[in-house]
Amino acid sequence: MGRHSISAAVKRPGRRLVLSIIAAFAVVGIVGSGVFLWVGGYLSPLFAAADMGCTDPEQLVVVADPSIAPALADIAKEFDAASEECVATEVKSQDSADTAAVLASGNSKADAWVPESSVWLDRMAATATSLGQTAPSLDVRESIASTPVVLAAAATKATDIATEPVTWARLLGGTLPAILPDPEASAASLAGLLALRGHSSPDDPRQFAGAMIELGKSIPASTSAAFGALGATDQPAVVITTEAQVAAYNLSDPAEPLVAAYPVDGTVALDYPLVVLASASRDADAAGDGSADTAAAGVASRSELLGAFEAEVREAGDELAAAGFRAPDGSGALEIAGVGAEAPAAEQALDAAAQLEILRAWGVLTLRSRMLAVIDVSGSMEEPAENGLRRIDIFQQAAVGAMGKFSGEVEMGVWVFSTARNGDLDYEDLSPIAPLADAAHMQEIAGIIQSLPARLGGATGLYDTTLAAVQRVRESYDPEKVNSVLLITDGKNEDENGIDLDTLLAELAKIDDPTKPVPVIMIGFGPDTDLAAMQRIAQATKGAAYSASKPEDLGIVLVDALSQRACRPNC
């Protein structure tokens, strides 16, 4: 089994005395007349500097992503101790998403930032624009480390996963279940989606969209939660993450270690740029307060100290490797259980524009929906399809597959319709709109799908049903969700006693409320549908109309219906 598949079997890591563990041990000490928390031998970097005879240290503040902050904190402590200057360097651990938001609002007081990826710089600028702010001036320097995107597996299930080559193609095809931490908060997840898109078919955009829909069905609260879920799944699965995160997890001596699977069809890597935050202006402010004299006396400026700290970090390759990071160019050997000694070649995931485009698509595909599914059960559904089965049989198969594309957070109800289905009404309410996470509700819908052949009869009462469905969804509108009607039919309106198309369109215009949009997604399959009428209805509700030439195409057009929500009505 080569290193490009799954790394060698995990050996349980031994316990190590590292500074971060020592720092976690705290005792209460009395200082002066107050009670303070004494951590790692010092109350703070300022007290550490004072203990070394430095009574008025220059304090540097470096904000770093939690994945690399512990390693940088150790390097900072060594830097302060070895420096001939009076300096106290504080490394603050903060999620890159939070730091990007703080910077975008113009409220950061830090001297430097080490994000999880360069893509956070573009996301920060985009956030600033959305807030009406000018993006802060940044001095973006070269990366101090890198780590490839990998697929993490529980050690006890790694052998099952490696029965065939580990590839992105397996994720796209659905043969290798995967868990994806929220890419809104994780650059590793977003870069993983970039790699996944790079291996999808350029001729079939539905393939990548379908994979994102599947990944979005269950989004863990964090990468740690995703790792914890691996051991709990009956079916072998992987988490899209980074090699450094696998290394950090295994160094914590977990009950169930992980192994890093390196896709044989290639991967991407995250960079960790060092970003200097307006240090020049802070130096200028300090000079105005009289520090120019100290500078003339040979005391280092803040920017000089920051430059010295940067040099220290770039010389600390061994310390960063011990924490699971590769050199900026991807080179370097690791000696950590669960990851390969040498990493495969990986392209830097630096295409920020592509990643932001993927993020927008992800936001659309994972919008939580509140949907009323309206199913045609007219007599024509008895007619044979191309493969010899009845249309209703093919629809049942497609419906089961389509249901699997929705997460438990989606709310769905079910109507069926045909003329005079329920007294004078053309529609029958079989299940209320409720969360699919409710097992009883999900079972009820599955039972309805199975019962459809026994419900066939009558003609297609399309227009009355469409109007009633829009009214029903708007009556119980939830502003926190995408409220819509999904109507599936194999025919055209045949209700001579009901409203006509012009009346339907007029009524839809009358009840239209821009604050409570209810788009109608219409899917027609078979040769008898009236696509022109469906398109007019879709346009009136800012929905979409699709024609599936064969009933088995239902699952394909459903992906389109979900993936194009953001561009309607101009898709």
Protein backbone atom coordinates (compact mmCIF):
# COMPACT_ATOMS: atom_id res chain seq x y z
CA MET A 1 0.00 0.00 0.00
CA GLY A 2 1.81 3.16 -1.20
CA ARG A 3 2.02 6.47 0.57
CA HIS A 4 -0.22 8.04 -2.07
CA SER A 5 -3.11 5.96 -0.79
CA ILE A 6 -3.19 5.75 3.00
CA SER A 7 -0.21 6.29 5.24
CA ALA A 8 1.32 3.52 7.29
CA ALA A 9 -0.65 2.11 10.20
CA VAL A 10 -0.94 4.43 13.16
CA LYS A 11 1.24 3.95 16.20
CA ARG A 12 -0.24 5.52 19.28
CA PRO A 13 1.83 8.68 19.90
CA GLY A 14 3.75 8.82 23.15
CA ARG A 15 3.10 11.58 25.64
CA ARG A 16 5.28 14.64 25.12
CA LEU A 17 6.13 17.40 27.54
CA VAL A 18 5.44 20.43 25.40
CA LEU A 19 5.09 24.04 26.44
CA SER A 20 1.41 24.15 25.55
CA ILE A 21 0.69 21.34 28.03
CA ILE A 22 2.75 23.04 30.73
CA ALA A 23 0.91 26.28 30.06
CA ALA A 24 -2.40 24.50 30.52
CA PHE A 25 -1.42 23.65 34.09
CA ALA A 26 -2.41 26.61 36.25
CA VAL A 27 -2.12 27.36 39.97
CA VAL A 28 -3.29 30.38 41.89
CA GLY A 29 -0.50 32.74 43.05
CA ILE A 30 -0.66 35.86 45.17
CA VAL A 31 0.89 38.92 43.57
CA GLY A 32 0.72 42.13 45.59
CA SER A 33 -2.74 42.35 47.07
CA GLY A 34 -4.60 40.60 44.25
CA VAL A 35 -5.22 37.02 43.19
CA PHE A 36 -4.16 36.11 39.67
CA LEU A 37 -4.11 33.03 37.48
CA TRP A 38 -0.47 31.95 37.18
CA VAL A 39 -0.06 30.21 33.81
CA GLY A 40 3.09 28.53 32.52
CA GLY A 41 5.31 30.28 35.08
CA TYR A 42 4.19 33.80 34.13
CA LEU A 43 1.05 35.87 34.41
CA SER A 44 1.46 37.09 30.81
CA PRO A 45 4.20 37.82 28.26
CA LEU A 46 4.70 41.13 30.04
CA PHE A 47 5.48 39.39 33.33
CA ALA A 48 7.79 37.00 31.51
CA ALA A 49 9.72 39.96 30.12
CA ALA A 50 9.87 41.60 33.55
CA ASP A 51 11.32 38.45 35.05
CA MET A 52 14.20 38.74 32.55
CA GLY A 53 14.95 42.29 33.71
CA CYS A 54 12.83 43.97 31.04
CA THR A 55 10.48 46.36 32.82
CA ASP A 56 8.92 48.19 29.85
CA PRO A 57 8.81 45.72 26.95
CA GLU A 58 7.61 46.49 23.46
CA GLN A 59 4.63 44.19 22.98
CA LEU A 60 4.01 42.49 19.65
CA VAL A 61 0.58 40.97 19.00
CA VAL A 62 0.30 38.24 16.38
CA VAL A 63 -3.14 36.79 15.62
CA ALA A 64 -2.92 33.28 14.19
CA ASP A 65 -5.34 30.62 13.05
CA PRO A 66 -5.87 27.99 15.80
CA SER A 67 -4.28 25.33 13.59
CA ILE A 68 -0.86 27.03 13.75
CA ALA A 69 -1.14 29.30 16.81
CA PRO A 70 0.29 26.79 19.37
CA ALA A 71 3.44 26.27 17.29
CA LEU A 72 3.87 30.02 16.82
CA ALA A 73 3.37 30.62 20.55
CA ASP A 74 6.26 28.26 21.33
CA ILE A 75 8.46 30.01 18.77
CA ALA A 76 7.48 33.42 20.21
CA LYS A 77 8.52 32.37 23.69
CA GLU A 78 11.92 31.29 22.42
CA PHE A 79 12.23 34.52 20.42
CA ASP A 80 11.51 36.74 23.43
CA ALA A 81 13.97 34.83 25.61
CA ALA A 82 16.77 35.03 23.05
CA SER A 83 16.18 38.61 21.89
CA GLU A 84 18.57 41.35 22.95
CA GLU A 85 15.65 43.74 22.78
CA CYS A 86 12.98 44.30 25.42
CA VAL A 87 10.07 42.53 23.70
CA ALA A 88 7.04 40.49 24.71
CA THR A 89 5.36 38.66 21.82
CA GLU A 90 1.78 37.51 22.32
CA VAL A 91 0.27 34.99 19.89
CA LYS A 92 -3.53 35.12 19.99
CA SER A 93 -5.39 32.09 18.65
CA GLN A 94 -8.43 33.13 16.63
CA ASP A 95 -10.39 31.49 13.82
CA SER A 96 -9.42 33.03 10.49
CA ALA A 97 -13.09 33.77 9.77
CA ASP A 98 -13.35 35.85 12.94
CA THR A 99 -10.09 37.71 12.28
CA ALA A 100 -11.18 38.48 8.72
CA ALA A 101 -14.43 39.96 10.08
CA VAL A 102 -12.57 42.07 12.67
CA LEU A 103 -10.15 43.38 10.06
CA ALA A 104 -12.98 44.14 7.65
CA SER A 105 -14.67 46.28 10.32
CA GLY A 106 -11.41 48.18 10.94
CA ASN A 107 -11.14 47.23 14.62
CA SER A 108 -7.96 45.15 14.78
CA LYS A 109 -5.16 46.17 17.16
CA ALA A 110 -2.79 43.36 16.17
CA ASP A 111 0.59 43.78 14.48
CA ALA A 112 0.42 40.67 12.28
CA TRP A 113 -1.91 37.91 11.18
CA VAL A 114 -1.22 34.36 10.07
CA PRO A 115 -4.44 33.05 8.44
CA GLU A 116 -5.15 29.47 7.43
CA SER A 117 -4.97 30.41 3.76
CA SER A 118 -4.46 33.41 1.47
CA VAL A 119 -8.09 33.06 0.46
CA TRP A 120 -9.03 34.75 3.76
CA LEU A 121 -7.46 37.99 2.50
CA ASP A 122 -9.91 38.08 -0.40
CA ARG A 123 -12.80 37.13 1.86
CA MET A 124 -11.82 39.89 4.27
CA ALA A 125 -11.77 42.44 1.42
CA ALA A 126 -15.17 41.23 0.18
CA THR A 127 -16.60 41.55 3.70
CA ALA A 128 -15.22 45.08 4.05
CA THR A 129 -16.89 46.06 0.78
CA SER A 130 -20.21 44.61 1.93
CA LEU A 131 -19.91 46.68 5.13
CA GLY A 132 -19.19 49.84 3.18
CA GLN A 133 -15.67 49.93 4.58
CA THR A 134 -12.33 50.37 2.85
CA ALA A 135 -10.26 47.21 3.14
CA PRO A 136 -7.27 47.79 5.45
CA SER A 137 -3.81 48.18 4.03
CA LEU A 138 -1.92 44.89 4.29
CA ASP A 139 1.71 43.92 3.80
CA VAL A 140 1.29 40.32 2.65
CA ARG A 141 4.52 38.41 2.95
CA GLU A 142 5.46 34.92 1.83
CA SER A 143 4.01 31.85 3.46
CA ILE A 144 5.71 30.49 6.57
CA ALA A 145 4.32 26.96 6.20
CA SER A 146 2.00 24.77 4.14
CA THR A 147 -0.11 21.67 4.54
CA PRO A 148 -1.83 19.49 1.90
CA VAL A 149 -5.55 18.74 1.86
CA VAL A 150 -6.10 15.07 2.71
CA LEU A 151 -8.93 12.69 3.49
CA ALA A 152 -8.84 11.64 7.14
CA ALA A 153 -10.05 8.18 8.12
CA ALA A 154 -10.44 6.45 11.47
CA ALA A 155 -7.47 4.11 11.96
CA THR A 156 -9.72 1.12 12.57
CA LYS A 157 -11.47 1.63 9.22
CA ALA A 158 -8.52 2.65 7.06
CA THR A 159 -8.05 -0.83 5.62
CA ASP A 160 -11.65 -0.97 4.42
CA ILE A 161 -11.28 2.42 2.70
CA ALA A 162 -8.02 1.41 1.00
CA THR A 163 -9.48 -1.64 -0.74
CA GLU A 164 -9.36 0.54 -3.85
CA PRO A 165 -7.34 3.70 -4.61
CA VAL A 166 -8.40 6.74 -2.63
CA THR A 167 -9.47 9.39 -5.15
CA TRP A 168 -11.59 12.49 -5.48
CA ALA A 169 -13.46 10.56 -8.16
CA ARG A 170 -14.79 8.21 -5.46
CA LEU A 171 -16.22 11.18 -3.59
CA LEU A 172 -17.80 12.56 -6.75
CA GLY A 173 -19.32 9.18 -7.55
CA GLY A 174 -20.67 8.74 -4.04
CA THR A 175 -18.79 5.48 -3.40
CA LEU A 176 -16.69 7.02 -0.61
CA PRO A 177 -18.85 8.84 1.96
CA ALA A 178 -17.29 12.10 3.11
CA ILE A 179 -17.84 14.63 5.88
CA LEU A 180 -17.11 18.30 5.19
CA PRO A 181 -16.70 20.91 7.94
CA ASP A 182 -18.42 24.16 7.01
CA PRO A 183 -16.39 25.86 4.22
CA GLU A 184 -17.76 29.20 5.42
CA ALA A 185 -15.42 28.78 8.41
CA SER A 186 -12.77 26.35 7.14
CA ALA A 187 -10.28 27.15 4.39
CA ALA A 188 -9.35 23.45 4.40
CA SER A 189 -12.90 22.54 3.43
CA LEU A 190 -13.07 25.25 0.77
CA ALA A 191 -9.75 24.12 -0.73
CA GLY A 192 -11.06 20.55 -0.65
CA LEU A 193 -14.05 21.64 -2.70
CA LEU A 194 -11.65 23.31 -5.13
CA ALA A 195 -9.81 19.99 -5.53
CA LEU A 196 -13.11 18.16 -5.90
CA ARG A 197 -14.26 20.53 -8.65
CA GLY A 198 -10.94 20.12 -10.40
CA HIS A 199 -11.60 16.38 -10.76
CA SER A 200 -15.25 16.67 -11.82
CA SER A 201 -16.36 16.42 -15.43
CA PRO A 202 -16.11 19.80 -17.22
CA ASP A 203 -18.93 18.63 -19.48
CA ASP A 204 -21.33 17.90 -16.61
CA PRO A 205 -21.57 20.69 -14.01
CA ARG A 206 -24.30 18.70 -12.26
CA GLN A 207 -21.68 16.23 -11.04
CA PHE A 208 -19.95 18.76 -8.80
CA ALA A 209 -23.23 20.41 -7.79
CA GLY A 210 -24.64 17.01 -6.83
CA ALA A 211 -21.55 16.24 -4.76
CA MET A 212 -21.91 19.53 -2.88
CA ILE A 213 -25.58 18.83 -2.21
CA GLU A 214 -24.61 15.45 -0.76
CA LEU A 215 -21.83 16.98 1.39
CA GLY A 216 -24.19 19.69 2.60
CA LYS A 217 -26.76 17.23 3.94
CA SER A 218 -24.99 17.13 7.30
CA ILE A 219 -22.49 19.83 8.25
CA PRO A 220 -20.56 19.21 11.49
CA ALA A 221 -20.14 22.04 13.97
CA SER A 222 -16.33 21.91 13.69
CA THR A 223 -13.43 19.86 12.37
CA SER A 224 -13.12 18.22 15.80
CA ALA A 225 -16.78 17.22 15.64
CA ALA A 226 -16.20 15.79 12.17
CA PHE A 227 -13.26 13.71 13.44
CA GLY A 228 -15.38 12.44 16.31
CA ALA A 229 -18.10 11.38 13.90
CA LEU A 230 -15.75 9.07 11.98
CA GLY A 231 -15.60 6.47 14.71
CA ALA A 232 -19.37 6.57 15.17
CA THR A 233 -20.31 5.76 11.57
CA ASP A 234 -21.09 2.17 10.59
CA GLN A 235 -19.95 2.75 7.03
CA PRO A 236 -16.30 3.78 6.50
CA ALA A 237 -16.09 7.50 5.76
CA VAL A 238 -13.51 10.27 5.48
CA VAL A 239 -13.25 13.90 6.56
CA ILE A 240 -11.97 16.48 4.08
CA THR A 241 -9.26 18.24 6.10
CA THR A 242 -5.51 18.94 6.13
CA GLU A 243 -2.50 16.88 7.04
CA ALA A 244 -1.63 19.34 9.82
CA GLN A 245 -5.04 18.91 11.42
CA VAL A 246 -4.68 15.12 11.35
CA ALA A 247 -1.24 15.46 12.93
CA ALA A 248 -2.50 17.79 15.67
CA TYR A 249 -5.39 15.45 16.43
CA ASN A 250 -3.10 12.43 16.77
CA LEU A 251 -0.63 14.37 18.93
CA SER A 252 -3.48 14.95 21.40
CA ASP A 253 -3.47 11.18 22.11
CA PRO A 254 -7.12 10.50 21.12
CA ALA A 255 -8.98 7.28 21.83
CA GLU A 256 -9.37 6.67 18.08
CA PRO A 257 -6.41 8.00 16.05
CA LEU A 258 -6.70 9.02 12.42
CA VAL A 259 -4.73 8.28 9.27
CA ALA A 260 -4.29 10.67 6.38
CA ALA A 261 -5.29 9.39 2.95
CA TYR A 262 -3.52 11.18 0.10
CA PRO A 263 -5.71 11.11 -3.07
CA VAL A 264 -3.84 9.41 -5.88
CA ASP A 265 -5.39 11.79 -8.41
CA GLY A 266 -3.70 14.78 -6.78
CA THR A 267 -4.58 17.39 -4.19
CA VAL A 268 -4.07 21.02 -3.21
CA ALA A 269 -2.24 22.63 -0.30
CA LEU A 270 -2.98 25.54 2.04
CA ASP A 271 -0.43 28.30 2.53
CA TYR A 272 0.02 30.29 5.75
CA PRO A 273 1.05 33.83 4.73
CA LEU A 274 2.47 36.27 7.25
CA VAL A 275 0.41 39.46 6.98
CA VAL A 276 1.72 42.66 8.58
CA LEU A 277 -1.11 44.92 9.74
CA ALA A 278 -0.38 48.66 9.47
CA SER A 279 2.82 48.46 11.52
CA ALA A 280 4.27 51.53 9.80
CA SER A 281 1.45 53.78 11.00
CA ARG A 282 1.78 52.46 14.53
CA ASP A 283 5.51 53.24 14.43
CA ALA A 284 4.70 56.75 13.25
CA ASP A 285 2.23 57.23 16.11
CA ALA A 286 4.80 56.01 18.59
CA ALA A 287 7.44 58.38 17.20
CA GLY A 288 5.08 61.27 17.79
CA ASP A 289 4.93 60.31 21.47
CA GLY A 290 8.69 60.66 21.89
CA SER A 291 9.98 57.25 20.86
CA ALA A 292 12.13 58.84 18.15
CA ASP A 293 14.74 59.55 20.80
CA THR A 294 14.81 55.90 21.85
CA ALA A 295 15.11 54.85 18.23
CA ALA A 296 18.12 57.17 17.88
CA ALA A 297 19.59 55.53 20.97
CA GLY A 298 19.53 52.15 19.22
CA VAL A 299 16.22 50.75 20.45
CA ALA A 300 14.48 48.63 17.78
CA SER A 301 11.21 49.87 16.32
CA ARG A 302 8.07 47.75 16.30
CA SER A 303 8.46 46.95 12.61
CA GLU A 304 12.08 45.91 13.19
CA LEU A 305 11.05 43.64 16.04
CA LEU A 306 8.33 42.16 13.87
CA GLY A 307 10.86 41.56 11.13
CA ALA A 308 13.12 39.81 13.63
CA PHE A 309 10.22 37.64 14.78
CA GLU A 310 9.42 36.76 11.15
CA ALA A 311 13.05 35.71 10.63
CA GLU A 312 12.84 33.55 13.76
CA VAL A 313 9.70 31.83 12.45
CA ARG A 314 11.29 31.15 9.08
CA GLU A 315 14.25 29.54 10.81
CA ALA A 316 11.99 27.37 12.95
CA GLY A 317 11.29 24.65 10.39
CA ASP A 318 11.90 21.84 12.89
CA GLU A 319 9.41 23.29 15.39
CA LEU A 320 6.76 23.70 12.69
CA ALA A 321 7.41 20.16 11.41
CA ALA A 322 6.97 18.83 14.94
CA ALA A 323 3.50 20.41 14.87
CA GLY A 324 2.65 18.78 11.52
CA PHE A 325 3.49 21.51 8.99
CA ARG A 326 5.53 21.28 5.81
CA ALA A 327 7.79 23.98 4.43
CA PRO A 328 6.12 26.65 2.26
CA ASP A 329 7.09 24.72 -0.88
CA GLY A 330 5.59 21.49 0.50
CA SER A 331 8.92 19.87 1.30
CA GLY A 332 10.06 18.45 4.61
CA ALA A 333 9.69 15.18 6.48
CA LEU A 334 7.26 14.54 9.34
CA GLU A 335 7.62 12.01 12.13
CA ILE A 336 4.04 11.96 13.40
CA ALA A 337 1.82 8.91 13.58
CA GLY A 338 -0.95 8.78 11.01
CA VAL A 339 0.66 10.97 8.33
CA GLY A 340 3.19 10.15 5.64
CA ALA A 341 6.84 11.01 6.23
CA GLU A 342 6.92 12.68 2.82
CA ALA A 343 3.88 14.39 1.33
CA PRO A 344 2.90 13.98 -2.34
CA ALA A 345 3.25 16.99 -4.61
CA ALA A 346 0.33 19.39 -4.25
CA GLU A 347 -0.69 22.53 -6.08
CA GLN A 348 -1.10 25.62 -3.91
CA ALA A 349 -4.81 26.43 -3.53
CA LEU A 350 -4.28 30.07 -4.45
CA ASP A 351 -7.12 30.59 -6.94
CA ALA A 352 -9.11 32.82 -4.61
CA ALA A 353 -11.63 33.83 -7.29
CA ALA A 354 -12.49 30.18 -7.96
CA GLN A 355 -12.80 29.47 -4.24
CA LEU A 356 -15.12 32.42 -3.67
CA GLU A 357 -17.22 31.27 -6.62
CA ILE A 358 -17.45 27.80 -5.05
CA LEU A 359 -18.36 29.36 -1.71
CA ARG A 360 -21.24 31.28 -3.29
CA ALA A 361 -22.48 28.08 -4.94
CA TRP A 362 -22.18 26.26 -1.61
CA GLY A 363 -24.28 28.94 0.06
CA VAL A 364 -27.02 28.44 -2.53
CA LEU A 365 -26.97 24.65 -2.44
CA THR A 366 -27.08 24.47 1.36
CA LEU A 367 -29.82 27.01 1.87
CA ARG A 368 -32.30 25.34 4.17
CA SER A 369 -35.55 24.78 2.34
CA ARG A 370 -39.19 24.63 3.22
CA MET A 371 -40.86 22.88 0.34
CA LEU A 372 -44.27 21.56 -0.67
CA ALA A 373 -43.87 18.67 -3.12
CA VAL A 374 -46.91 18.37 -5.40
CA ILE A 375 -47.09 15.10 -7.38
CA ASP A 376 -49.23 14.31 -10.41
CA VAL A 377 -51.25 11.10 -9.93
CA SER A 378 -53.45 11.45 -13.00
CA GLY A 379 -54.36 8.35 -14.97
CA SER A 380 -51.69 9.01 -17.60
CA MET A 381 -49.06 7.98 -15.04
CA GLU A 382 -50.20 4.41 -15.78
CA GLU A 383 -48.77 4.64 -19.29
CA PRO A 384 -45.56 2.78 -20.08
CA ALA A 385 -42.20 4.53 -20.17
CA GLU A 386 -39.42 3.78 -22.64
CA ASN A 387 -38.02 0.89 -20.60
CA GLY A 388 -41.33 -0.92 -20.28
CA LEU A 389 -42.12 0.20 -16.74
CA ARG A 390 -45.03 2.53 -16.05
CA ARG A 391 -44.33 6.24 -15.63
CA ILE A 392 -45.35 6.00 -11.97
CA ASP A 393 -42.86 3.16 -11.39
CA ILE A 394 -40.03 5.22 -12.84
CA PHE A 395 -41.14 8.22 -10.81
CA GLN A 396 -41.09 6.18 -7.60
CA GLN A 397 -37.49 5.16 -8.24
CA ALA A 398 -36.46 8.73 -9.03
CA ALA A 399 -38.32 10.11 -5.99
CA VAL A 400 -36.46 7.81 -3.61
CA GLY A 401 -33.15 9.01 -5.04
CA ALA A 402 -34.28 12.64 -4.95
CA MET A 403 -35.30 12.37 -1.29
CA GLY A 404 -31.78 11.27 -0.50
CA LYS A 405 -30.46 14.62 -1.73
CA PHE A 406 -32.12 16.60 1.04
CA SER A 407 -30.65 17.17 4.48
CA GLY A 408 -32.59 16.58 7.66
CA GLU A 409 -32.92 20.35 8.08
CA VAL A 410 -35.11 20.58 4.99
CA GLU A 411 -38.84 20.80 5.68
CA MET A 412 -41.16 19.08 3.24
CA GLY A 413 -44.84 18.36 2.79
CA VAL A 414 -46.59 16.28 0.12
CA TRP A 415 -49.70 16.80 -1.97
CA VAL A 416 -50.98 14.66 -4.82
CA PHE A 417 -53.24 16.01 -7.55
CA SER A 418 -55.61 15.05 -10.34
CA THR A 419 -59.12 16.24 -11.21
CA ALA A 420 -61.76 15.84 -8.51
CA ARG A 421 -59.16 14.25 -6.24
CA ASN A 422 -60.68 15.51 -3.00
CA GLY A 423 -64.35 16.31 -3.56
CA ASP A 424 -64.36 19.35 -5.83
CA LEU A 425 -60.66 19.99 -5.22
CA ASP A 426 -57.97 18.78 -7.58
CA TYR A 427 -55.41 18.27 -4.81
CA GLU A 428 -55.14 16.22 -1.64
CA ASP A 429 -52.94 17.11 1.33
CA LEU A 430 -51.23 13.89 2.41
CA SER A 431 -48.45 15.18 4.67
CA PRO A 432 -47.85 18.60 6.28
CA ILE A 433 -44.66 20.58 5.81
CA ALA A 434 -42.32 19.36 8.56
CA PRO A 435 -38.59 18.62 9.06
CA LEU A 436 -37.20 15.54 7.35
CA ALA A 437 -35.06 15.08 10.47
CA ASP A 438 -38.24 13.77 12.11
CA ALA A 439 -37.97 10.03 11.47
CA ALA A 440 -41.74 9.55 11.67
CA HIS A 441 -42.31 12.29 9.09
CA MET A 442 -39.66 10.88 6.77
CA GLN A 443 -41.25 7.43 7.07
CA GLU A 444 -44.67 8.92 6.31
CA ILE A 445 -43.36 10.49 3.08
CA ALA A 446 -41.65 7.25 2.08
CA GLY A 447 -44.95 5.47 2.60
CA ILE A 448 -46.75 8.01 0.41
CA ILE A 449 -44.25 7.43 -2.40
CA GLN A 450 -44.81 3.69 -2.17
CA SER A 451 -48.60 4.17 -2.24
CA LEU A 452 -48.68 6.30 -5.40
CA PRO A 453 -49.65 3.51 -7.85
CA ALA A 454 -52.80 2.86 -5.83
CA ARG A 455 -53.77 6.54 -6.01
CA LEU A 456 -53.79 6.93 -9.81
CA GLY A 457 -56.85 8.21 -11.62
CA GLY A 458 -58.46 11.30 -13.12
CA ALA A 459 -57.06 13.99 -15.39
CA THR A 460 -54.39 16.63 -14.74
CA GLY A 461 -55.76 19.49 -12.62
CA LEU A 462 -52.62 21.58 -12.93
CA TYR A 463 -53.69 25.23 -12.63
CA ASP A 464 -56.02 25.06 -9.63
CA THR A 465 -53.46 22.96 -7.80
CA THR A 466 -50.58 25.35 -8.51
CA LEU A 467 -52.48 28.34 -7.15
CA ALA A 468 -53.59 26.49 -4.02
CA ALA A 469 -50.05 25.24 -3.36
CA VAL A 470 -48.54 28.74 -3.54
CA GLN A 471 -51.25 30.05 -1.20
CA ARG A 472 -50.62 27.22 1.29
CA VAL A 473 -46.85 27.81 1.46
CA ARG A 474 -47.28 31.55 1.87
CA GLU A 475 -49.81 31.07 4.70
CA SER A 476 -47.14 29.43 6.85
CA TYR A 477 -44.14 31.29 5.44
CA ASP A 478 -40.81 30.98 7.29
CA PRO A 479 -38.51 33.96 6.56
CA GLU A 480 -35.47 31.98 7.73
CA LYS A 481 -35.81 29.44 4.90
CA VAL A 482 -36.28 29.20 1.16
CA ASN A 483 -40.03 28.61 0.76
CA SER A 484 -41.03 26.96 -2.50
CA VAL A 485 -43.39 24.65 -4.38
CA LEU A 486 -41.90 21.68 -6.25
CA LEU A 487 -44.49 20.45 -8.75
CA ILE A 488 -43.90 17.30 -10.80
CA THR A 489 -46.22 16.36 -13.67
CA ASP A 490 -46.32 14.24 -16.81
CA GLY A 491 -49.06 16.20 -18.55
CA LYS A 492 -50.82 19.50 -19.19
CA ASN A 493 -53.86 21.05 -17.56
CA GLU A 494 -57.02 19.05 -18.37
CA ASP A 495 -59.48 20.47 -15.82
CA GLU A 496 -62.25 22.03 -17.92
CA ASN A 497 -64.08 23.23 -14.79
CA GLY A 498 -61.09 24.97 -13.26
CA ILE A 499 -59.26 28.21 -13.95
CA ASP A 500 -57.34 28.76 -17.19
CA LEU A 501 -53.72 29.81 -17.55
CA ASP A 502 -54.40 33.54 -17.85
CA THR A 503 -56.54 33.48 -14.71
CA LEU A 504 -53.83 31.58 -12.84
CA LEU A 505 -51.20 34.11 -13.85
CA ALA A 506 -53.45 37.00 -12.85
CA GLU A 507 -54.13 35.44 -9.44
CA LEU A 508 -50.42 34.78 -8.88
CA ALA A 509 -49.68 38.42 -9.68
CA LYS A 510 -52.42 39.54 -7.29
CA ILE A 511 -51.05 37.57 -4.32
CA ASP A 512 -47.39 38.23 -5.12
CA ASP A 513 -45.46 39.59 -2.12
CA PRO A 514 -41.76 40.41 -2.69
CA THR A 515 -41.14 40.01 1.05
CA LYS A 516 -42.51 36.45 0.93
CA PRO A 517 -41.38 34.92 -2.37
CA VAL A 518 -42.67 31.43 -3.16
CA PRO A 519 -41.03 30.26 -6.39
CA VAL A 520 -42.67 27.37 -8.21
CA ILE A 521 -40.21 24.79 -9.52
CA MET A 522 -41.97 22.79 -12.20
CA ILE A 523 -40.59 19.52 -13.54
CA GLY A 524 -42.37 17.93 -16.45
CA PHE A 525 -41.42 14.53 -17.80
CA GLY A 526 -42.70 12.56 -20.73
CA PRO A 527 -43.92 13.73 -24.15
CA ASP A 528 -47.25 15.22 -23.02
CA THR A 529 -46.12 18.17 -20.87
CA ASP A 530 -46.93 21.78 -21.76
CA LEU A 531 -43.48 23.32 -21.28
CA ALA A 532 -44.57 26.74 -22.56
CA ALA A 533 -47.26 27.02 -19.87
CA MET A 534 -44.86 25.75 -17.21
CA GLN A 535 -42.33 28.42 -18.17
CA ARG A 536 -44.92 31.19 -17.87
CA ILE A 537 -45.92 29.97 -14.40
CA ALA A 538 -42.27 29.75 -13.36
CA GLN A 539 -41.58 33.26 -14.64
CA ALA A 540 -44.57 34.66 -12.75
CA THR A 541 -43.27 33.20 -9.47
CA LYS A 542 -39.54 33.72 -10.14
CA GLY A 543 -39.17 29.96 -10.19
CA ALA A 544 -37.94 27.59 -12.89
CA ALA A 545 -39.36 25.07 -15.34
CA TYR A 546 -37.57 21.93 -16.45
CA SER A 547 -38.36 19.27 -18.98
CA ALA A 548 -37.05 15.77 -18.42
CA SER A 549 -37.22 13.86 -21.66
CA LYS A 550 -37.38 10.63 -19.69
CA PRO A 551 -38.84 10.07 -16.22
CA GLU A 552 -35.48 8.73 -15.02
CA ASP A 553 -34.01 12.21 -15.67
CA LEU A 554 -35.93 13.55 -12.67
CA GLY A 555 -32.95 13.30 -10.35
CA ILE A 556 -30.74 15.21 -12.80
CA VAL A 557 -33.09 18.14 -13.24
CA LEU A 558 -33.67 18.25 -9.48
CA VAL A 559 -29.96 19.04 -9.06
CA ASP A 560 -30.43 21.89 -11.54
CA ALA A 561 -33.48 23.11 -9.66
CA LEU A 562 -31.51 23.27 -6.42
CA SER A 563 -28.26 24.63 -7.84
CA GLN A 564 -29.82 27.52 -9.76
CA ARG A 565 -31.76 29.10 -6.89
CA ALA A 566 -29.39 32.06 -6.73
CA CYS A 567 -29.72 33.09 -10.38
CA ARG A 568 -33.49 32.95 -10.83
CA PRO A 569 -35.31 34.23 -12.76
CA ASN A 570 -32.41 34.78 -15.18
CA CYS A 571 -30.77 31.33 -15.22
